[in-house]
Amino acid sequence: MRHLLLDTHIFLWSQFAPSKLSARLATLFTSEEVCWHLSQISLLEIQIKYDLGKLELPETPQNFLPQLIEDSGLNFHPLENKAISMLGKLPKLHRDPFDRLLIASALVNGWEIATVDTIFDQYPVQIVT
């Protein structure tokens, strides 16, 4: 079984703009050989960016995210202390704390990350685009 952690934008695209997904990711979303993980980190990022006016959504996150997560079939992954500890060991190549936490989470769990963010390539994590 392959384990993939969704970067926040990939999660949002998969739910609201699936045409933005690469053919490879679209195929992987239909595969029974892939276990998809959505991190609590992404939910925090969505809420904060929405509150700051940096993210447009059809409605407020608290109105749709809980049901969307339940209906999506994704495995919800809480923020772990070991990911927070790993964060301090990562080189500070990327300024986005949410992305750095996602990278740390993927590393401590041995997962790949689905993202189109090229700066992730600078970290020792497997990327799927």
N, C-alpha and C. Protein backbone atom coordinates (compact mmCIF):
# COMPACT_ATOMS: atom_id res chain seq x y z
N MET A 1 0.86 -1.18 0.00
CA MET A 1 0.00 0.00 0.00
C MET A 1 0.89 1.24 0.00
N ARG A 2 0.56 2.15 -0.85
CA ARG A 2 1.29 3.41 -0.97
C ARG A 2 0.57 4.47 -0.13
N HIS A 3 1.33 5.26 0.63
CA HIS A 3 0.74 6.30 1.49
C HIS A 3 1.14 7.67 0.96
N LEU A 4 0.13 8.49 0.71
CA LEU A 4 0.35 9.84 0.20
C LEU A 4 -0.32 10.86 1.11
N LEU A 5 0.44 11.87 1.48
CA LEU A 5 -0.08 12.99 2.26
C LEU A 5 -0.41 14.12 1.30
N LEU A 6 -1.59 14.66 1.42
CA LEU A 6 -2.02 15.74 0.54
C LEU A 6 -1.48 17.08 1.01
N ASP A 7 -0.84 17.80 0.10
CA ASP A 7 -0.56 19.21 0.37
C ASP A 7 -1.91 19.91 0.32
N THR A 8 -2.05 20.99 1.02
CA THR A 8 -3.34 21.66 1.15
C THR A 8 -3.96 22.02 -0.19
N HIS A 9 -3.17 22.55 -1.12
CA HIS A 9 -3.76 22.94 -2.40
C HIS A 9 -4.24 21.73 -3.19
N ILE A 10 -3.57 20.60 -3.06
CA ILE A 10 -4.01 19.39 -3.76
C ILE A 10 -5.34 18.91 -3.17
N PHE A 11 -5.47 18.99 -1.87
CA PHE A 11 -6.75 18.64 -1.24
C PHE A 11 -7.86 19.54 -1.76
N LEU A 12 -7.63 20.85 -1.77
CA LEU A 12 -8.66 21.78 -2.24
C LEU A 12 -8.98 21.55 -3.71
N TRP A 13 -7.97 21.34 -4.54
CA TRP A 13 -8.22 21.06 -5.96
C TRP A 13 -9.03 19.77 -6.12
N SER A 14 -8.70 18.75 -5.34
CA SER A 14 -9.41 17.48 -5.47
C SER A 14 -10.89 17.63 -5.15
N GLN A 15 -11.22 18.58 -4.30
CA GLN A 15 -12.61 18.77 -3.90
C GLN A 15 -13.35 19.82 -4.73
N PHE A 16 -12.65 20.87 -5.16
CA PHE A 16 -13.32 21.99 -5.81
C PHE A 16 -12.89 22.26 -7.25
N ALA A 17 -11.74 21.76 -7.65
CA ALA A 17 -11.23 22.03 -9.01
C ALA A 17 -10.42 20.83 -9.51
N PRO A 18 -11.06 19.66 -9.63
CA PRO A 18 -10.31 18.46 -10.00
C PRO A 18 -9.60 18.56 -11.35
N SER A 19 -10.05 19.46 -12.20
CA SER A 19 -9.38 19.62 -13.51
C SER A 19 -7.97 20.18 -13.35
N LYS A 20 -7.66 20.77 -12.21
CA LYS A 20 -6.31 21.29 -11.96
C LYS A 20 -5.31 20.19 -11.59
N LEU A 21 -5.80 19.02 -11.24
CA LEU A 21 -4.92 17.92 -10.87
C LEU A 21 -4.22 17.37 -12.10
N SER A 22 -2.99 16.95 -11.94
CA SER A 22 -2.27 16.30 -13.04
C SER A 22 -2.96 14.97 -13.35
N ALA A 23 -2.73 14.47 -14.54
CA ALA A 23 -3.30 13.17 -14.92
C ALA A 23 -2.82 12.09 -13.95
N ARG A 24 -1.57 12.17 -13.56
CA ARG A 24 -1.01 11.19 -12.63
C ARG A 24 -1.75 11.20 -11.29
N LEU A 25 -1.96 12.40 -10.72
CA LEU A 25 -2.66 12.48 -9.45
C LEU A 25 -4.12 12.05 -9.59
N ALA A 26 -4.76 12.44 -10.67
CA ALA A 26 -6.15 12.04 -10.89
C ALA A 26 -6.27 10.52 -10.93
N THR A 27 -5.31 9.87 -11.57
CA THR A 27 -5.30 8.41 -11.62
C THR A 27 -5.06 7.81 -10.24
N LEU A 28 -4.13 8.38 -9.52
CA LEU A 28 -3.83 7.87 -8.17
C LEU A 28 -5.03 8.01 -7.23
N PHE A 29 -5.83 9.07 -7.42
CA PHE A 29 -7.01 9.26 -6.57
C PHE A 29 -8.02 8.13 -6.74
N THR A 30 -8.00 7.47 -7.88
CA THR A 30 -8.94 6.38 -8.12
C THR A 30 -8.35 5.00 -7.80
N SER A 31 -7.08 4.97 -7.43
CA SER A 31 -6.40 3.70 -7.17
C SER A 31 -6.72 3.18 -5.77
N GLU A 32 -6.99 1.90 -5.70
CA GLU A 32 -7.21 1.26 -4.41
C GLU A 32 -5.89 0.90 -3.73
N GLU A 33 -4.79 1.14 -4.41
CA GLU A 33 -3.46 0.84 -3.88
C GLU A 33 -2.85 2.04 -3.15
N VAL A 34 -3.61 3.13 -3.05
CA VAL A 34 -3.11 4.35 -2.41
C VAL A 34 -3.97 4.67 -1.20
N CYS A 35 -3.29 4.92 -0.10
CA CYS A 35 -3.95 5.38 1.12
C CYS A 35 -3.66 6.88 1.23
N TRP A 36 -4.71 7.69 1.10
CA TRP A 36 -4.56 9.16 1.11
C TRP A 36 -4.72 9.68 2.53
N HIS A 37 -3.85 10.61 2.90
CA HIS A 37 -3.89 11.20 4.23
C HIS A 37 -4.08 12.71 4.12
N LEU A 38 -4.98 13.23 4.94
CA LEU A 38 -5.19 14.67 5.06
C LEU A 38 -4.79 15.06 6.48
N SER A 39 -3.89 16.00 6.58
CA SER A 39 -3.38 16.40 7.88
C SER A 39 -4.20 17.52 8.51
N GLN A 40 -4.25 17.48 9.81
CA GLN A 40 -4.86 18.56 10.59
C GLN A 40 -4.17 19.88 10.27
N ILE A 41 -2.91 19.80 9.87
CA ILE A 41 -2.15 20.99 9.48
C ILE A 41 -2.85 21.71 8.33
N SER A 42 -3.36 20.95 7.37
CA SER A 42 -4.05 21.56 6.23
C SER A 42 -5.33 22.27 6.66
N LEU A 43 -6.04 21.68 7.62
CA LEU A 43 -7.27 22.33 8.09
C LEU A 43 -6.95 23.65 8.78
N LEU A 44 -5.88 23.65 9.54
CA LEU A 44 -5.43 24.89 10.19
C LEU A 44 -5.05 25.92 9.14
N GLU A 45 -4.31 25.50 8.12
CA GLU A 45 -3.91 26.41 7.05
C GLU A 45 -5.12 26.98 6.32
N ILE A 46 -6.08 26.14 6.01
CA ILE A 46 -7.29 26.60 5.31
C ILE A 46 -8.01 27.65 6.14
N GLN A 47 -8.22 27.37 7.42
CA GLN A 47 -8.95 28.31 8.28
C GLN A 47 -8.21 29.63 8.43
N ILE A 48 -6.91 29.57 8.68
CA ILE A 48 -6.13 30.81 8.87
C ILE A 48 -6.09 31.63 7.59
N LYS A 49 -5.83 30.99 6.46
CA LYS A 49 -5.77 31.74 5.20
C LYS A 49 -7.13 32.29 4.80
N TYR A 50 -8.18 31.55 5.12
CA TYR A 50 -9.54 32.06 4.86
C TYR A 50 -9.80 33.29 5.73
N ASP A 51 -9.47 33.21 7.02
CA ASP A 51 -9.68 34.33 7.94
C ASP A 51 -8.89 35.57 7.54
N LEU A 52 -7.71 35.37 6.95
CA LEU A 52 -6.87 36.49 6.51
C LEU A 52 -7.27 37.03 5.14
N GLY A 53 -8.25 36.40 4.51
CA GLY A 53 -8.68 36.83 3.18
C GLY A 53 -7.75 36.38 2.07
N LYS A 54 -6.90 35.40 2.33
CA LYS A 54 -5.95 34.91 1.33
C LYS A 54 -6.46 33.67 0.59
N LEU A 55 -7.65 33.20 0.96
CA LEU A 55 -8.20 32.00 0.36
C LEU A 55 -9.70 32.19 0.17
N GLU A 56 -10.13 32.10 -1.08
CA GLU A 56 -11.56 32.20 -1.38
C GLU A 56 -12.16 30.81 -1.42
N LEU A 57 -13.27 30.65 -0.73
CA LEU A 57 -13.97 29.37 -0.68
C LEU A 57 -15.46 29.61 -0.88
N PRO A 58 -16.21 28.57 -1.27
CA PRO A 58 -17.64 28.75 -1.50
C PRO A 58 -18.42 29.14 -0.24
N GLU A 59 -17.90 28.77 0.92
CA GLU A 59 -18.49 29.17 2.20
C GLU A 59 -17.42 29.05 3.27
N THR A 60 -17.75 29.41 4.49
CA THR A 60 -16.74 29.37 5.55
C THR A 60 -16.29 27.94 5.80
N PRO A 61 -15.01 27.75 6.10
CA PRO A 61 -14.50 26.38 6.30
C PRO A 61 -15.26 25.59 7.37
N GLN A 62 -15.62 26.23 8.46
CA GLN A 62 -16.31 25.49 9.52
C GLN A 62 -17.68 24.99 9.08
N ASN A 63 -18.24 25.60 8.02
CA ASN A 63 -19.55 25.16 7.52
C ASN A 63 -19.47 23.92 6.64
N PHE A 64 -18.31 23.66 6.02
CA PHE A 64 -18.27 22.52 5.10
C PHE A 64 -17.14 21.53 5.35
N LEU A 65 -16.05 21.94 6.00
CA LEU A 65 -14.91 21.04 6.14
C LEU A 65 -15.21 19.75 6.91
N PRO A 66 -15.89 19.79 8.04
CA PRO A 66 -16.13 18.52 8.75
C PRO A 66 -16.86 17.48 7.90
N GLN A 67 -17.91 17.89 7.20
CA GLN A 67 -18.65 16.95 6.37
C GLN A 67 -17.85 16.54 5.14
N LEU A 68 -17.11 17.48 4.58
CA LEU A 68 -16.29 17.19 3.40
C LEU A 68 -15.23 16.13 3.74
N ILE A 69 -14.61 16.26 4.89
CA ILE A 69 -13.60 15.28 5.31
C ILE A 69 -14.25 13.91 5.50
N GLU A 70 -15.40 13.90 6.15
CA GLU A 70 -16.09 12.64 6.38
C GLU A 70 -16.48 11.96 5.07
N ASP A 71 -16.95 12.74 4.11
CA ASP A 71 -17.41 12.20 2.83
C ASP A 71 -16.27 11.85 1.87
N SER A 72 -15.10 12.42 2.09
CA SER A 72 -14.00 12.29 1.13
C SER A 72 -13.36 10.91 1.11
N GLY A 73 -13.45 10.19 2.20
CA GLY A 73 -12.79 8.89 2.28
C GLY A 73 -11.31 9.00 2.60
N LEU A 74 -10.84 10.21 2.86
CA LEU A 74 -9.43 10.42 3.21
C LEU A 74 -9.20 10.02 4.67
N ASN A 75 -7.99 9.62 4.97
CA ASN A 75 -7.62 9.33 6.34
C ASN A 75 -7.17 10.63 7.00
N PHE A 76 -7.88 11.02 8.04
CA PHE A 76 -7.54 12.26 8.74
C PHE A 76 -6.38 11.97 9.68
N HIS A 77 -5.39 12.84 9.63
CA HIS A 77 -4.16 12.64 10.39
C HIS A 77 -3.92 13.83 11.32
N PRO A 78 -3.99 13.62 12.63
CA PRO A 78 -3.75 14.73 13.56
C PRO A 78 -2.28 15.14 13.58
N LEU A 79 -2.04 16.35 13.98
CA LEU A 79 -0.67 16.84 14.15
C LEU A 79 -0.02 16.07 15.30
N GLU A 80 1.16 15.52 15.03
CA GLU A 80 1.84 14.70 16.02
C GLU A 80 3.04 15.43 16.61
N ASN A 81 3.33 15.13 17.86
CA ASN A 81 4.50 15.73 18.52
C ASN A 81 5.79 15.41 17.78
N LYS A 82 5.89 14.19 17.24
CA LYS A 82 7.12 13.81 16.54
C LYS A 82 7.31 14.63 15.27
N ALA A 83 6.22 15.08 14.65
CA ALA A 83 6.34 15.96 13.47
C ALA A 83 6.81 17.35 13.91
N ILE A 84 6.32 17.81 15.04
CA ILE A 84 6.76 19.11 15.56
C ILE A 84 8.25 19.05 15.90
N SER A 85 8.69 17.96 16.49
CA SER A 85 10.12 17.79 16.79
C SER A 85 10.95 17.75 15.52
N MET A 86 10.45 17.06 14.49
CA MET A 86 11.17 16.97 13.21
C MET A 86 11.28 18.34 12.56
N LEU A 87 10.28 19.19 12.76
CA LEU A 87 10.29 20.53 12.18
C LEU A 87 11.57 21.27 12.56
N GLY A 88 12.00 21.13 13.79
CA GLY A 88 13.21 21.81 14.25
C GLY A 88 14.48 21.28 13.63
N LYS A 89 14.42 20.10 13.04
CA LYS A 89 15.59 19.48 12.41
C LYS A 89 15.68 19.77 10.92
N LEU A 90 14.61 20.29 10.35
CA LEU A 90 14.60 20.56 8.91
C LEU A 90 15.37 21.84 8.59
N PRO A 91 16.07 21.86 7.46
CA PRO A 91 16.69 23.12 7.05
C PRO A 91 15.60 24.14 6.74
N LYS A 92 15.87 25.38 7.01
CA LYS A 92 14.86 26.43 6.82
C LYS A 92 14.92 26.98 5.39
N LEU A 93 14.63 26.10 4.45
CA LEU A 93 14.65 26.46 3.03
C LEU A 93 13.32 27.05 2.58
N HIS A 94 12.28 26.75 3.31
CA HIS A 94 10.93 27.17 2.94
C HIS A 94 10.34 27.97 4.10
N ARG A 95 9.78 29.11 3.79
CA ARG A 95 9.27 30.00 4.84
C ARG A 95 7.87 29.65 5.31
N ASP A 96 7.13 28.87 4.52
CA ASP A 96 5.75 28.55 4.87
C ASP A 96 5.72 27.49 5.99
N PRO A 97 5.28 27.88 7.19
CA PRO A 97 5.30 26.92 8.30
C PRO A 97 4.36 25.74 8.09
N PHE A 98 3.27 25.94 7.37
CA PHE A 98 2.34 24.84 7.12
C PHE A 98 3.00 23.78 6.24
N ASP A 99 3.65 24.23 5.18
CA ASP A 99 4.33 23.29 4.29
C ASP A 99 5.47 22.57 5.01
N ARG A 100 6.20 23.30 5.82
CA ARG A 100 7.30 22.67 6.57
C ARG A 100 6.76 21.61 7.54
N LEU A 101 5.62 21.88 8.16
CA LEU A 101 5.01 20.88 9.04
C LEU A 101 4.52 19.67 8.26
N LEU A 102 3.97 19.91 7.07
CA LEU A 102 3.54 18.78 6.23
C LEU A 102 4.75 17.92 5.84
N ILE A 103 5.84 18.56 5.48
CA ILE A 103 7.06 17.84 5.13
C ILE A 103 7.53 17.02 6.34
N ALA A 104 7.56 17.64 7.50
CA ALA A 104 7.98 16.93 8.72
C ALA A 104 7.07 15.74 9.00
N SER A 105 5.78 15.93 8.84
CA SER A 105 4.82 14.86 9.07
C SER A 105 5.04 13.70 8.11
N ALA A 106 5.26 14.02 6.84
CA ALA A 106 5.52 12.97 5.85
C ALA A 106 6.80 12.22 6.19
N LEU A 107 7.81 12.94 6.59
CA LEU A 107 9.10 12.30 6.91
C LEU A 107 8.99 11.34 8.09
N VAL A 108 8.34 11.77 9.16
CA VAL A 108 8.27 10.90 10.35
C VAL A 108 7.37 9.69 10.13
N ASN A 109 6.47 9.78 9.16
CA ASN A 109 5.57 8.66 8.88
C ASN A 109 6.00 7.83 7.67
N GLY A 110 7.03 8.29 6.96
CA GLY A 110 7.50 7.55 5.79
C GLY A 110 6.56 7.64 4.61
N TRP A 111 5.86 8.77 4.49
CA TRP A 111 4.90 8.96 3.40
C TRP A 111 5.46 9.85 2.31
N GLU A 112 4.86 9.75 1.13
CA GLU A 112 5.12 10.68 0.04
C GLU A 112 4.17 11.86 0.20
N ILE A 113 4.46 12.96 -0.49
CA ILE A 113 3.57 14.13 -0.47
C ILE A 113 3.11 14.43 -1.89
N ALA A 114 1.80 14.64 -2.03
CA ALA A 114 1.24 15.08 -3.31
C ALA A 114 1.23 16.61 -3.30
N THR A 115 2.02 17.21 -4.18
CA THR A 115 2.14 18.67 -4.23
C THR A 115 2.64 19.10 -5.60
N VAL A 116 2.43 20.35 -5.93
CA VAL A 116 3.07 20.94 -7.12
C VAL A 116 4.07 22.01 -6.69
N ASP A 117 4.26 22.15 -5.40
CA ASP A 117 5.19 23.15 -4.85
C ASP A 117 6.62 22.64 -5.04
N THR A 118 7.37 23.25 -5.94
CA THR A 118 8.70 22.77 -6.30
C THR A 118 9.73 22.92 -5.18
N ILE A 119 9.48 23.78 -4.22
CA ILE A 119 10.45 23.93 -3.12
C ILE A 119 10.52 22.67 -2.26
N PHE A 120 9.48 21.84 -2.31
CA PHE A 120 9.49 20.58 -1.57
C PHE A 120 10.64 19.69 -2.04
N ASP A 121 11.06 19.85 -3.29
CA ASP A 121 12.16 19.05 -3.84
C ASP A 121 13.47 19.25 -3.08
N GLN A 122 13.58 20.34 -2.35
CA GLN A 122 14.81 20.64 -1.61
C GLN A 122 14.89 19.88 -0.28
N TYR A 123 13.83 19.16 0.06
CA TYR A 123 13.78 18.39 1.29
C TYR A 123 13.85 16.90 0.98
N PRO A 124 14.29 16.09 1.94
CA PRO A 124 14.44 14.65 1.69
C PRO A 124 13.12 13.88 1.80
N VAL A 125 12.12 14.34 1.08
CA VAL A 125 10.81 13.70 1.08
C VAL A 125 10.44 13.36 -0.36
N GLN A 126 9.73 12.26 -0.53
CA GLN A 126 9.30 11.84 -1.86
C GLN A 126 8.10 12.68 -2.30
N ILE A 127 8.18 13.22 -3.51
CA ILE A 127 7.14 14.10 -4.04
C ILE A 127 6.40 13.39 -5.17
N VAL A 128 5.10 13.57 -5.21
CA VAL A 128 4.28 13.09 -6.33
C VAL A 128 3.56 14.30 -6.88
N THR A 129 3.72 14.55 -8.18
CA THR A 129 3.07 15.71 -8.80
C THR A 129 2.02 15.29 -9.80
